[in-house]
Amino acid sequence: VEERVRAVQNWVLAPLRNEHFTSLATLNEAIAKGIDELNDRPFTKMTGSRTERFQTERAHLRPLPEVPFSYGRWLSLKVPPNYH
């Protein structure tokens, strides 16, 4: 994950650092364009790109669960002096 964050910083955000944006919408459009270009870039050691890989794996994805994740409840207990 850290490598992908570095790639986005280098290939998407770094080219935008000297540009001035007048609205959040234009900034988001520029970032989306950079992400699309990054995902369309071919792999160096494999054939294809991230976009092509996602399209082939999309059929194997399952939908998100209906019920959101619920956190577990933790109890704090004391051990008696005899350790039992």
PDB file of N, CA and C in Angstrom:
ATOM      1  N   VAL A   1       0.826  -1.177   0.000  1.00  0.00           N
ATOM      2  CA  VAL A   1       0.000   0.000   0.000  1.00  0.00           C
ATOM      3  C   VAL A   1       0.879   1.253   0.000  1.00  0.00           C
ATOM      4  N   GLU A   2       1.937   1.249   0.776  1.00  0.00           N
ATOM      5  CA  GLU A   2       2.790   2.428   0.861  1.00  0.00           C
ATOM      6  C   GLU A   2       3.428   2.749  -0.484  1.00  0.00           C
ATOM      7  N   GLU A   3       3.744   1.726  -1.261  1.00  0.00           N
ATOM      8  CA  GLU A   3       4.315   1.945  -2.587  1.00  0.00           C
ATOM      9  C   GLU A   3       3.302   2.620  -3.509  1.00  0.00           C
ATOM     10  N   ARG A   4       2.047   2.238  -3.424  1.00  0.00           N
ATOM     11  CA  ARG A   4       1.007   2.859  -4.255  1.00  0.00           C
ATOM     12  C   ARG A   4       0.778   4.310  -3.829  1.00  0.00           C
ATOM     13  N   VAL A   5       0.837   4.580  -2.534  1.00  0.00           N
ATOM     14  CA  VAL A   5       0.696   5.963  -2.063  1.00  0.00           C
ATOM     15  C   VAL A   5       1.830   6.811  -2.622  1.00  0.00           C
ATOM     16  N   ARG A   6       3.049   6.264  -2.601  1.00  0.00           N
ATOM     17  CA  ARG A   6       4.194   6.993  -3.155  1.00  0.00           C
ATOM     18  C   ARG A   6       4.021   7.217  -4.652  1.00  0.00           C
ATOM     19  N   ALA A   7       3.497   6.234  -5.368  1.00  0.00           N
ATOM     20  CA  ALA A   7       3.281   6.381  -6.810  1.00  0.00           C
ATOM     21  C   ALA A   7       2.260   7.477  -7.090  1.00  0.00           C
ATOM     22  N   VAL A   8       1.192   7.529  -6.320  1.00  0.00           N
ATOM     23  CA  VAL A   8       0.185   8.580  -6.514  1.00  0.00           C
ATOM     24  C   VAL A   8       0.780   9.940  -6.198  1.00  0.00           C
ATOM     25  N   GLN A   9       1.583  10.020  -5.162  1.00  0.00           N
ATOM     26  CA  GLN A   9       2.210  11.301  -4.832  1.00  0.00           C
ATOM     27  C   GLN A   9       3.147  11.753  -5.945  1.00  0.00           C
ATOM     28  N   ASN A  10       3.930  10.821  -6.506  1.00  0.00           N
ATOM     29  CA  ASN A  10       4.905  11.185  -7.537  1.00  0.00           C
ATOM     30  C   ASN A  10       4.265  11.467  -8.892  1.00  0.00           C
ATOM     31  N   TRP A  11       3.279  10.667  -9.293  1.00  0.00           N
ATOM     32  CA  TRP A  11       2.751  10.746 -10.649  1.00  0.00           C
ATOM     33  C   TRP A  11       1.471  11.564 -10.771  1.00  0.00           C
ATOM     34  N   VAL A  12       0.768  11.770  -9.669  1.00  0.00           N
ATOM     35  CA  VAL A  12      -0.506  12.502  -9.736  1.00  0.00           C
ATOM     36  C   VAL A  12      -0.399  13.855  -9.041  1.00  0.00           C
ATOM     37  N   LEU A  13       0.043  13.856  -7.801  1.00  0.00           N
ATOM     38  CA  LEU A  13       0.038  15.095  -7.023  1.00  0.00           C
ATOM     39  C   LEU A  13       1.224  16.005  -7.330  1.00  0.00           C
ATOM     40  N   ALA A  14       2.393  15.440  -7.572  1.00  0.00           N
ATOM     41  CA  ALA A  14       3.577  16.268  -7.831  1.00  0.00           C
ATOM     42  C   ALA A  14       3.414  17.156  -9.067  1.00  0.00           C
ATOM     43  N   PRO A  15       2.867  16.674 -10.188  1.00  0.00           N
ATOM     44  CA  PRO A  15       2.691  17.573 -11.332  1.00  0.00           C
ATOM     45  C   PRO A  15       1.695  18.711 -11.072  1.00  0.00           C
ATOM     46  N   LEU A  16       0.848  18.568 -10.070  1.00  0.00           N
ATOM     47  CA  LEU A  16      -0.162  19.596  -9.783  1.00  0.00           C
ATOM     48  C   LEU A  16       0.318  20.632  -8.773  1.00  0.00           C
ATOM     49  N   ARG A  17       1.517  20.465  -8.219  1.00  0.00           N
ATOM     50  CA  ARG A  17       1.935  21.329  -7.109  1.00  0.00           C
ATOM     51  C   ARG A  17       2.118  22.788  -7.494  1.00  0.00           C
ATOM     52  N   ASN A  18       2.435  23.093  -8.758  1.00  0.00           N
ATOM     53  CA  ASN A  18       2.638  24.485  -9.172  1.00  0.00           C
ATOM     54  C   ASN A  18       1.424  25.086  -9.859  1.00  0.00           C
ATOM     55  N   GLU A  19       0.342  24.331  -9.948  1.00  0.00           N
ATOM     56  CA  GLU A  19      -0.878  24.848 -10.572  1.00  0.00           C
ATOM     57  C   GLU A  19      -1.775  25.477  -9.516  1.00  0.00           C
ATOM     58  N   HIS A  20      -2.586  26.425  -9.954  1.00  0.00           N
ATOM     59  CA  HIS A  20      -3.538  27.082  -9.064  1.00  0.00           C
ATOM     60  C   HIS A  20      -4.936  26.693  -9.499  1.00  0.00           C
ATOM     61  N   PHE A  21      -5.752  26.263  -8.556  1.00  0.00           N
ATOM     62  CA  PHE A  21      -7.110  25.840  -8.838  1.00  0.00           C
ATOM     63  C   PHE A  21      -8.064  26.810  -8.165  1.00  0.00           C
ATOM     64  N   THR A  22      -9.115  27.167  -8.879  1.00  0.00           N
ATOM     65  CA  THR A  22     -10.077  28.128  -8.345  1.00  0.00           C
ATOM     66  C   THR A  22     -11.233  27.473  -7.618  1.00  0.00           C
ATOM     67  N   SER A  23     -11.384  26.163  -7.785  1.00  0.00           N
ATOM     68  CA  SER A  23     -12.463  25.475  -7.085  1.00  0.00           C
ATOM     69  C   SER A  23     -12.040  24.039  -6.785  1.00  0.00           C
ATOM     70  N   LEU A  24     -12.738  23.461  -5.865  1.00  0.00           N
ATOM     71  CA  LEU A  24     -12.473  22.083  -5.501  1.00  0.00           C
ATOM     72  C   LEU A  24     -12.829  21.141  -6.651  1.00  0.00           C
ATOM     73  N   ALA A  25     -13.845  21.498  -7.419  1.00  0.00           N
ATOM     74  CA  ALA A  25     -14.266  20.654  -8.546  1.00  0.00           C
ATOM     75  C   ALA A  25     -13.161  20.554  -9.598  1.00  0.00           C
ATOM     76  N   THR A  26     -12.489  21.651  -9.903  1.00  0.00           N
ATOM     77  CA  THR A  26     -11.416  21.592 -10.902  1.00  0.00           C
ATOM     78  C   THR A  26     -10.213  20.813 -10.374  1.00  0.00           C
ATOM     79  N   LEU A  27      -9.934  20.939  -9.086  1.00  0.00           N
ATOM     80  CA  LEU A  27      -8.867  20.153  -8.487  1.00  0.00           C
ATOM     81  C   LEU A  27      -9.194  18.661  -8.556  1.00  0.00           C
ATOM     82  N   ASN A  28     -10.433  18.308  -8.228  1.00  0.00           N
ATOM     83  CA  ASN A  28     -10.846  16.909  -8.282  1.00  0.00           C
ATOM     84  C   ASN A  28     -10.773  16.361  -9.699  1.00  0.00           C
ATOM     85  N   GLU A  29     -11.119  17.167 -10.695  1.00  0.00           N
ATOM     86  CA  GLU A  29     -11.022  16.732 -12.088  1.00  0.00           C
ATOM     87  C   GLU A  29      -9.568  16.465 -12.472  1.00  0.00           C
ATOM     88  N   ALA A  30      -8.663  17.325 -12.049  1.00  0.00           N
ATOM     89  CA  ALA A  30      -7.250  17.147 -12.364  1.00  0.00           C
ATOM     90  C   ALA A  30      -6.698  15.891 -11.679  1.00  0.00           C
ATOM     91  N   ILE A  31      -7.094  15.658 -10.450  1.00  0.00           N
ATOM     92  CA  ILE A  31      -6.640  14.459  -9.737  1.00  0.00           C
ATOM     93  C   ILE A  31      -7.208  13.207 -10.395  1.00  0.00           C
ATOM     94  N   ALA A  32      -8.486  13.233 -10.775  1.00  0.00           N
ATOM     95  CA  ALA A  32      -9.097  12.072 -11.431  1.00  0.00           C
ATOM     96  C   ALA A  32      -8.412  11.776 -12.757  1.00  0.00           C
ATOM     97  N   LYS A  33      -8.059  12.814 -13.501  1.00  0.00           N
ATOM     98  CA  LYS A  33      -7.349  12.617 -14.765  1.00  0.00           C
ATOM     99  C   LYS A  33      -5.982  11.972 -14.510  1.00  0.00           C
ATOM    100  N   GLY A  34      -5.266  12.437 -13.493  1.00  0.00           N
ATOM    101  CA  GLY A  34      -3.973  11.866 -13.154  1.00  0.00           C
ATOM    102  C   GLY A  34      -4.077  10.421 -12.700  1.00  0.00           C
ATOM    103  N   ILE A  35      -5.115  10.089 -11.930  1.00  0.00           N
ATOM    104  CA  ILE A  35      -5.319   8.709 -11.475  1.00  0.00           C
ATOM    105  C   ILE A  35      -5.623   7.804 -12.671  1.00  0.00           C
ATOM    106  N   ASP A  36      -6.460   8.296 -13.604  1.00  0.00           N
ATOM    107  CA  ASP A  36      -6.757   7.500 -14.800  1.00  0.00           C
ATOM    108  C   ASP A  36      -5.495   7.250 -15.619  1.00  0.00           C
ATOM    109  N   GLU A  37      -4.657   8.264 -15.763  1.00  0.00           N
ATOM    110  CA  GLU A  37      -3.408   8.087 -16.503  1.00  0.00           C
ATOM    111  C   GLU A  37      -2.483   7.101 -15.789  1.00  0.00           C
ATOM    112  N   LEU A  38      -2.429   7.168 -14.469  1.00  0.00           N
ATOM    113  CA  LEU A  38      -1.599   6.234 -13.705  1.00  0.00           C
ATOM    114  C   LEU A  38      -2.109   4.805 -13.859  1.00  0.00           C
ATOM    115  N   ASN A  39      -3.427   4.627 -13.798  1.00  0.00           N
ATOM    116  CA  ASN A  39      -3.992   3.287 -13.918  1.00  0.00           C
ATOM    117  C   ASN A  39      -3.879   2.735 -15.339  1.00  0.00           C
ATOM    118  N   ASP A  40      -3.820   3.597 -16.342  1.00  0.00           N
ATOM    119  CA  ASP A  40      -3.689   3.153 -17.733  1.00  0.00           C
ATOM    120  C   ASP A  40      -2.234   2.894 -18.124  1.00  0.00           C
ATOM    121  N   ARG A  41      -1.303   3.295 -17.287  1.00  0.00           N
ATOM    122  CA  ARG A  41       0.115   3.083 -17.570  1.00  0.00           C
ATOM    123  C   ARG A  41       0.431   1.585 -17.557  1.00  0.00           C
ATOM    124  N   PRO A  42       1.165   1.078 -18.552  1.00  0.00           N
ATOM    125  CA  PRO A  42       1.440  -0.367 -18.581  1.00  0.00           C
ATOM    126  C   PRO A  42       2.384  -0.788 -17.458  1.00  0.00           C
ATOM    127  N   PHE A  43       2.209  -2.031 -17.021  1.00  0.00           N
ATOM    128  CA  PHE A  43       3.098  -2.603 -16.017  1.00  0.00           C
ATOM    129  C   PHE A  43       4.503  -2.726 -16.593  1.00  0.00           C
ATOM    130  N   THR A  44       5.510  -2.730 -15.726  1.00  0.00           N
ATOM    131  CA  THR A  44       6.884  -2.882 -16.208  1.00  0.00           C
ATOM    132  C   THR A  44       7.294  -4.342 -16.317  1.00  0.00           C
ATOM    133  N   LYS A  45       6.789  -5.206 -15.438  1.00  0.00           N
ATOM    134  CA  LYS A  45       7.205  -6.600 -15.438  1.00  0.00           C
ATOM    135  C   LYS A  45       6.111  -7.566 -15.887  1.00  0.00           C
ATOM    136  N   MET A  46       4.918  -7.049 -16.143  1.00  0.00           N
ATOM    137  CA  MET A  46       3.803  -7.883 -16.595  1.00  0.00           C
ATOM    138  C   MET A  46       3.147  -7.193 -17.785  1.00  0.00           C
ATOM    139  N   THR A  47       2.291  -7.928 -18.455  1.00  0.00           N
ATOM    140  CA  THR A  47       1.557  -7.318 -19.561  1.00  0.00           C
ATOM    141  C   THR A  47       0.287  -6.672 -19.027  1.00  0.00           C
ATOM    142  N   GLY A  48      -0.175  -5.650 -19.710  1.00  0.00           N
ATOM    143  CA  GLY A  48      -1.413  -4.984 -19.329  1.00  0.00           C
ATOM    144  C   GLY A  48      -1.181  -3.807 -18.403  1.00  0.00           C
ATOM    145  N   SER A  49      -2.285  -3.321 -17.841  1.00  0.00           N
ATOM    146  CA  SER A  49      -2.251  -2.187 -16.917  1.00  0.00           C
ATOM    147  C   SER A  49      -3.201  -2.466 -15.762  1.00  0.00           C
ATOM    148  N   ARG A  50      -3.231  -1.565 -14.793  1.00  0.00           N
ATOM    149  CA  ARG A  50      -4.124  -1.744 -13.654  1.00  0.00           C
ATOM    150  C   ARG A  50      -5.581  -1.713 -14.087  1.00  0.00           C
ATOM    151  N   THR A  51      -5.906  -0.866 -15.046  1.00  0.00           N
ATOM    152  CA  THR A  51      -7.286  -0.792 -15.538  1.00  0.00           C
ATOM    153  C   THR A  51      -7.689  -2.110 -16.184  1.00  0.00           C
ATOM    154  N   GLU A  52      -6.821  -2.666 -17.026  1.00  0.00           N
ATOM    155  CA  GLU A  52      -7.124  -3.946 -17.669  1.00  0.00           C
ATOM    156  C   GLU A  52      -7.247  -5.063 -16.636  1.00  0.00           C
ATOM    157  N   ARG A  53      -6.379  -5.064 -15.645  1.00  0.00           N
ATOM    158  CA  ARG A  53      -6.424  -6.091 -14.606  1.00  0.00           C
ATOM    159  C   ARG A  53      -7.729  -5.990 -13.829  1.00  0.00           C
ATOM    160  N   PHE A  54      -8.159  -4.770 -13.512  1.00  0.00           N
ATOM    161  CA  PHE A  54      -9.404  -4.602 -12.768  1.00  0.00           C
ATOM    162  C   PHE A  54     -10.595  -5.086 -13.588  1.00  0.00           C
ATOM    163  N   GLN A  55     -10.604  -4.807 -14.888  1.00  0.00           N
ATOM    164  CA  GLN A  55     -11.714  -5.242 -15.732  1.00  0.00           C
ATOM    165  C   GLN A  55     -11.814  -6.765 -15.783  1.00  0.00           C
ATOM    166  N   THR A  56     -10.691  -7.460 -15.786  1.00  0.00           N
ATOM    167  CA  THR A  56     -10.737  -8.925 -15.821  1.00  0.00           C
ATOM    168  C   THR A  56     -11.144  -9.504 -14.470  1.00  0.00           C
ATOM    169  N   GLU A  57     -10.800  -8.839 -13.374  1.00  0.00           N
ATOM    170  CA  GLU A  57     -11.125  -9.354 -12.044  1.00  0.00           C
ATOM    171  C   GLU A  57     -12.477  -8.874 -11.534  1.00  0.00           C
ATOM    172  N   ARG A  58     -13.103  -7.940 -12.211  1.00  0.00           N
ATOM    173  CA  ARG A  58     -14.363  -7.375 -11.756  1.00  0.00           C
ATOM    174  C   ARG A  58     -15.450  -8.439 -11.606  1.00  0.00           C
ATOM    175  N   ALA A  59     -15.475  -9.437 -12.500  1.00  0.00           N
ATOM    176  CA  ALA A  59     -16.506 -10.477 -12.446  1.00  0.00           C
ATOM    177  C   ALA A  59     -16.405 -11.319 -11.176  1.00  0.00           C
ATOM    178  N   HIS A  60     -15.247 -11.376 -10.551  1.00  0.00           N
ATOM    179  CA  HIS A  60     -15.047 -12.196  -9.357  1.00  0.00           C
ATOM    180  C   HIS A  60     -15.310 -11.442  -8.056  1.00  0.00           C
ATOM    181  N   LEU A  61     -15.606 -10.159  -8.146  1.00  0.00           N
ATOM    182  CA  LEU A  61     -15.860  -9.378  -6.939  1.00  0.00           C
ATOM    183  C   LEU A  61     -17.268  -9.655  -6.410  1.00  0.00           C
ATOM    184  N   ARG A  62     -17.395  -9.663  -5.110  1.00  0.00           N
ATOM    185  CA  ARG A  62     -18.694  -9.848  -4.480  1.00  0.00           C
ATOM    186  C   ARG A  62     -19.203  -8.495  -4.000  1.00  0.00           C
ATOM    187  N   PRO A  63     -20.522  -8.328  -3.896  1.00  0.00           N
ATOM    188  CA  PRO A  63     -21.044  -7.048  -3.392  1.00  0.00           C
ATOM    189  C   PRO A  63     -20.724  -6.875  -1.917  1.00  0.00           C
ATOM    190  N   LEU A  64     -20.768  -5.652  -1.469  1.00  0.00           N
ATOM    191  CA  LEU A  64     -20.549  -5.363  -0.056  1.00  0.00           C
ATOM    192  C   LEU A  64     -21.665  -5.983   0.775  1.00  0.00           C
ATOM    193  N   PRO A  65     -21.387  -6.348   2.024  1.00  0.00           N
ATOM    194  CA  PRO A  65     -22.435  -6.949   2.856  1.00  0.00           C
ATOM    195  C   PRO A  65     -23.562  -5.957   3.137  1.00  0.00           C
ATOM    196  N   GLU A  66     -24.753  -6.510   3.335  1.00  0.00           N
ATOM    197  CA  GLU A  66     -25.931  -5.683   3.629  1.00  0.00           C
ATOM    198  C   GLU A  66     -25.810  -5.002   4.995  1.00  0.00           C
ATOM    199  N   VAL A  67     -25.280  -5.741   5.970  1.00  0.00           N
ATOM    200  CA  VAL A  67     -25.161  -5.223   7.331  1.00  0.00           C
ATOM    201  C   VAL A  67     -23.762  -4.651   7.511  1.00  0.00           C
ATOM    202  N   PRO A  68     -23.643  -3.405   7.966  1.00  0.00           N
ATOM    203  CA  PRO A  68     -22.305  -2.845   8.174  1.00  0.00           C
ATOM    204  C   PRO A  68     -21.582  -3.558   9.307  1.00  0.00           C
ATOM    205  N   PHE A  69     -20.270  -3.437   9.302  1.00  0.00           N
ATOM    206  CA  PHE A  69     -19.436  -4.064  10.319  1.00  0.00           C
ATOM    207  C   PHE A  69     -19.765  -3.497  11.686  1.00  0.00           C
ATOM    208  N   SER A  70     -19.889  -4.372  12.664  1.00  0.00           N
ATOM    209  CA  SER A  70     -20.126  -3.900  14.030  1.00  0.00           C
ATOM    210  C   SER A  70     -18.911  -4.264  14.883  1.00  0.00           C
ATOM    211  N   TYR A  71     -18.518  -3.357  15.724  1.00  0.00           N
ATOM    212  CA  TYR A  71     -17.364  -3.563  16.577  1.00  0.00           C
ATOM    213  C   TYR A  71     -17.690  -4.552  17.683  1.00  0.00           C
ATOM    214  N   GLY A  72     -16.690  -5.307  18.086  1.00  0.00           N
ATOM    215  CA  GLY A  72     -16.858  -6.234  19.195  1.00  0.00           C
ATOM    216  C   GLY A  72     -16.822  -5.496  20.525  1.00  0.00           C
ATOM    217  N   ARG A  73     -17.328  -6.143  21.539  1.00  0.00           N
ATOM    218  CA  ARG A  73     -17.336  -5.545  22.863  1.00  0.00           C
ATOM    219  C   ARG A  73     -16.276  -6.245  23.699  1.00  0.00           C
ATOM    220  N   TRP A  74     -15.402  -5.480  24.315  1.00  0.00           N
ATOM    221  CA  TRP A  74     -14.312  -6.028  25.112  1.00  0.00           C
ATOM    222  C   TRP A  74     -14.600  -5.820  26.592  1.00  0.00           C
ATOM    223  N   LEU A  75     -14.277  -6.831  27.378  1.00  0.00           N
ATOM    224  CA  LEU A  75     -14.441  -6.744  28.823  1.00  0.00           C
ATOM    225  C   LEU A  75     -13.067  -6.714  29.478  1.00  0.00           C
ATOM    226  N   SER A  76     -12.978  -5.972  30.534  1.00  0.00           N
ATOM    227  CA  SER A  76     -11.741  -5.918  31.293  1.00  0.00           C
ATOM    228  C   SER A  76     -11.965  -6.679  32.592  1.00  0.00           C
ATOM    229  N   LEU A  77     -11.258  -7.802  32.753  1.00  0.00           N
ATOM    230  CA  LEU A  77     -11.419  -8.641  33.934  1.00  0.00           C
ATOM    231  C   LEU A  77     -10.123  -8.668  34.728  1.00  0.00           C
ATOM    232  N   LYS A  78     -10.264  -8.899  36.022  1.00  0.00           N
ATOM    233  CA  LYS A  78      -9.094  -9.007  36.890  1.00  0.00           C
ATOM    234  C   LYS A  78      -8.849 -10.466  37.222  1.00  0.00           C
ATOM    235  N   VAL A  79      -7.580 -10.835  37.228  1.00  0.00           N
ATOM    236  CA  VAL A  79      -7.199 -12.198  37.618  1.00  0.00           C
ATOM    237  C   VAL A  79      -7.064 -12.217  39.140  1.00  0.00           C
ATOM    238  N   PRO A  80      -7.677 -13.238  39.766  1.00  0.00           N
ATOM    239  CA  PRO A  80      -7.556 -13.306  41.235  1.00  0.00           C
ATOM    240  C   PRO A  80      -6.102 -13.558  41.649  1.00  0.00           C
ATOM    241  N   PRO A  81      -5.789 -13.350  42.888  1.00  0.00           N
ATOM    242  CA  PRO A  81      -4.403 -13.545  43.362  1.00  0.00           C
ATOM    243  C   PRO A  81      -3.890 -14.974  43.207  1.00  0.00           C
ATOM    244  N   ASN A  82      -4.784 -15.983  43.130  1.00  0.00           N
ATOM    245  CA  ASN A  82      -4.325 -17.373  42.961  1.00  0.00           C
ATOM    246  C   ASN A  82      -4.174 -17.744  41.481  1.00  0.00           C
ATOM    247  N   TYR A  83      -4.342 -16.803  40.545  1.00  0.00           N
ATOM    248  CA  TYR A  83      -4.169 -16.985  39.100  1.00  0.00           C
ATOM    249  C   TYR A  83      -5.162 -17.938  38.480  1.00  0.00           C
ATOM    250  N   HIS A  84      -6.304 -18.214  39.124  1.00  0.00           N
ATOM    251  CA  HIS A  84      -7.320 -19.112  38.563  1.00  0.00           C
ATOM    252  C   HIS A  84      -8.580 -18.336  38.262  1.00  0.00           C
TER     253      HIS A  84
END
